[in-house]
Protein backbone atom coordinates (compact mmCIF):
# COMPACT_ATOMS: atom_id res chain seq x y z
CA MET A 1 0.00 0.00 0.00
CA ARG A 2 1.30 3.37 -0.91
CA ASN A 3 0.04 5.55 1.91
CA ASP A 4 -0.55 3.85 5.25
CA SER A 5 -1.73 7.09 6.85
CA LYS A 6 -4.90 6.82 4.77
CA VAL A 7 -7.43 4.51 6.37
CA VAL A 8 -10.95 3.67 5.22
CA GLU A 9 -13.26 3.74 8.25
CA ILE A 10 -16.24 1.40 7.84
CA TYR A 11 -19.20 1.07 10.21
CA THR A 12 -21.53 -1.86 9.58
CA ASP A 13 -24.76 -3.18 11.02
CA GLY A 14 -27.45 -5.73 10.36
CA ALA A 15 -31.12 -5.74 11.31
CA CYS A 16 -33.88 -8.33 11.23
CA LYS A 17 -37.62 -8.10 11.85
CA GLY A 18 -38.13 -11.57 13.24
CA ASN A 19 -35.12 -13.86 13.39
CA PRO A 20 -35.43 -15.36 10.86
CA GLY A 21 -37.43 -12.72 9.06
CA ILE A 22 -37.07 -9.71 6.79
CA GLY A 23 -33.53 -8.41 7.15
CA GLY A 24 -31.42 -5.45 6.22
CA TRP A 25 -27.76 -4.52 6.24
CA GLY A 26 -26.07 -1.15 6.13
CA ALA A 27 -22.60 0.34 6.00
CA LEU A 28 -21.09 3.79 6.30
CA LEU A 29 -17.72 4.17 4.56
CA ARG A 30 -15.48 7.16 5.20
CA TYR A 31 -12.19 8.01 3.52
CA GLY A 32 -10.63 11.43 3.91
CA GLY A 33 -13.44 13.92 3.50
CA HIS A 34 -15.68 11.53 1.58
CA GLU A 35 -18.57 9.43 2.87
CA ARG A 36 -20.62 6.74 1.22
CA GLU A 37 -23.72 4.97 2.55
CA ILE A 38 -24.81 1.58 1.24
CA PHE A 39 -27.66 -0.69 2.30
CA GLY A 40 -29.79 -3.58 1.17
CA GLY A 41 -31.93 -6.40 2.44
CA GLU A 42 -33.39 -9.86 2.01
CA LYS A 43 -36.89 -11.28 2.40
CA PHE A 44 -36.05 -14.22 4.66
CA THR A 45 -32.81 -14.18 6.60
CA THR A 46 -31.21 -13.91 10.04
CA ASN A 47 -29.59 -11.07 11.92
CA ASN A 48 -26.20 -12.81 11.81
CA ARG A 49 -26.39 -13.15 8.01
CA MET A 50 -27.16 -9.44 7.74
CA GLU A 51 -24.20 -8.55 9.99
CA LEU A 52 -21.92 -10.60 7.73
CA LEU A 53 -23.45 -9.19 4.54
CA ALA A 54 -22.92 -5.61 5.73
CA ALA A 55 -19.17 -6.24 6.06
CA ILE A 56 -19.05 -8.16 2.77
CA ARG A 57 -20.83 -5.47 0.76
CA ALA A 58 -18.69 -2.73 2.30
CA LEU A 59 -15.45 -4.55 1.43
CA GLU A 60 -16.74 -5.39 -2.05
CA SER A 61 -17.31 -1.69 -2.68
CA LEU A 62 -13.61 -0.86 -2.25
CA LYS A 63 -11.98 -0.40 -5.63
CA ARG A 64 -8.40 -1.29 -4.60
CA PRO A 65 -6.51 -2.82 -1.67
CA CYS A 66 -6.96 -0.59 1.38
CA LYS A 67 -6.07 -0.23 5.01
CA VAL A 68 -9.43 -0.56 6.77
CA HIS A 69 -10.80 -0.10 10.26
CA LEU A 70 -14.06 -2.04 10.19
CA HIS A 71 -16.36 -1.26 13.13
CA THR A 72 -19.16 -3.66 14.06
CA ASP A 73 -21.46 -4.10 17.03
CA SER A 74 -21.69 -7.82 16.25
CA GLN A 75 -19.55 -10.02 18.45
CA TYR A 76 -20.47 -12.89 16.12
CA LEU A 77 -18.80 -11.08 13.22
CA GLN A 78 -15.86 -9.68 15.19
CA LYS A 79 -15.01 -12.91 17.03
CA GLY A 80 -15.81 -15.07 14.02
CA ILE A 81 -13.32 -13.29 11.79
CA SER A 82 -10.68 -12.66 14.48
CA GLU A 83 -10.85 -15.81 16.62
CA TRP A 84 -12.87 -18.65 15.09
CA LEU A 85 -12.28 -18.53 11.33
CA ASP A 86 -8.88 -20.24 11.23
CA SER A 87 -10.14 -23.10 13.40
CA TRP A 88 -13.24 -23.53 11.25
CA LYS A 89 -11.11 -23.70 8.12
CA GLY A 90 -8.74 -26.17 9.79
CA ARG A 91 -11.70 -28.42 10.64
CA ASN A 92 -13.14 -28.21 7.11
CA TRP A 93 -15.81 -25.69 8.15
CA ARG A 94 -16.88 -27.57 11.25
CA THR A 95 -17.30 -26.15 14.74
CA ALA A 96 -15.46 -27.56 17.76
CA ASP A 97 -18.45 -29.86 18.37
CA LYS A 98 -18.26 -31.10 14.76
CA LYS A 99 -21.35 -29.26 13.49
CA GLN A 100 -21.38 -27.48 10.15
CA VAL A 101 -20.49 -23.79 10.52
CA LYS A 102 -23.61 -21.65 10.14
CA ASN A 103 -23.47 -19.11 7.32
CA GLU A 104 -20.50 -20.94 5.80
CA ASP A 105 -21.18 -19.38 2.38
CA LEU A 106 -20.86 -15.86 3.75
CA TRP A 107 -17.85 -16.68 5.96
CA LYS A 108 -16.03 -18.06 2.91
CA LEU A 109 -16.81 -14.94 0.90
CA LEU A 110 -15.73 -12.67 3.75
CA ASP A 111 -12.53 -14.68 4.16
CA GLN A 112 -11.71 -14.13 0.46
CA LEU A 113 -12.38 -10.40 0.71
CA THR A 114 -10.20 -9.97 3.79
CA GLN A 115 -7.20 -11.29 1.84
CA GLN A 116 -7.34 -8.19 -0.37
CA HIS A 117 -7.11 -5.61 2.42
CA GLU A 118 -5.33 -4.85 5.67
CA ILE A 119 -8.22 -4.88 8.14
CA GLU A 120 -8.45 -4.03 11.81
CA TRP A 121 -11.71 -5.41 13.22
CA CYS A 122 -13.14 -3.10 15.90
CA TRP A 123 -16.05 -3.98 18.16
CA VAL A 124 -18.38 -1.14 19.16
CA ARG A 125 -21.13 -1.50 21.76
CA GLY A 126 -24.44 -1.33 19.88
CA HIS A 127 -27.10 1.25 20.69
CA SER A 128 -24.76 3.12 23.02
CA GLY A 129 -24.94 6.48 21.29
CA HIS A 130 -21.92 6.02 18.99
CA ALA A 131 -22.96 8.30 16.10
CA ASP A 132 -21.45 6.29 13.24
CA ASN A 133 -22.75 2.99 14.60
CA GLU A 134 -26.20 4.55 14.91
CA ARG A 135 -25.98 5.65 11.25
CA ALA A 136 -25.10 2.09 10.22
CA ASP A 137 -28.12 0.88 12.23
CA LEU A 138 -30.37 3.37 10.42
CA LEU A 139 -29.02 2.16 7.06
CA ALA A 140 -29.68 -1.48 8.00
CA ASN A 141 -33.24 -0.56 8.91
CA ARG A 142 -33.61 1.25 5.57
CA GLY A 143 -32.69 -2.08 3.99
CA VAL A 144 -35.52 -3.74 5.94
CA GLU A 145 -37.94 -0.98 4.93
CA MET A 146 -36.92 -1.35 1.27
CA ILE A 147 -37.80 -5.07 1.32
CA ILE A 148 -41.11 -4.41 3.10
CA ALA A 149 -41.98 -1.76 0.48
CA GLU A 150 -41.15 -4.20 -2.34
CA GLU A 151 -43.42 -6.79 -0.73
CA LEU A 152 -46.30 -4.30 -0.68
CA HIS A 153 -46.07 -3.65 -4.45
């Protein structure tokens, strides 16, 4: 990387109305003086899948290898990527009690994306007044609202 002082700050969140149910994901990306908001949703999903998808879509939106601080309020995402992933891969995507890893498809995709960037995974307490985390939460809920609106038409 050419300029390590430049870091992309990413805040992600997932939301689900029912679990499983209608879900949404959202991400706020900030680089220098620029901001970008992205969001989306699915008709039938889980909160954990939406947390993973928020990080995936944010990383997919980067056009070149970057230094990234990715902030999430999901311990599932943060611990999964930082603590559990290598063990899962070593056990052929099985948990310690030999069960198939849930959301394996998304974990594999996220694993591929992380190879392209230098990422620091940062956990943020959810709904604690952190402005950028609250914006990510609003974006995730816009994803839910988008799916509900599509269902009504």
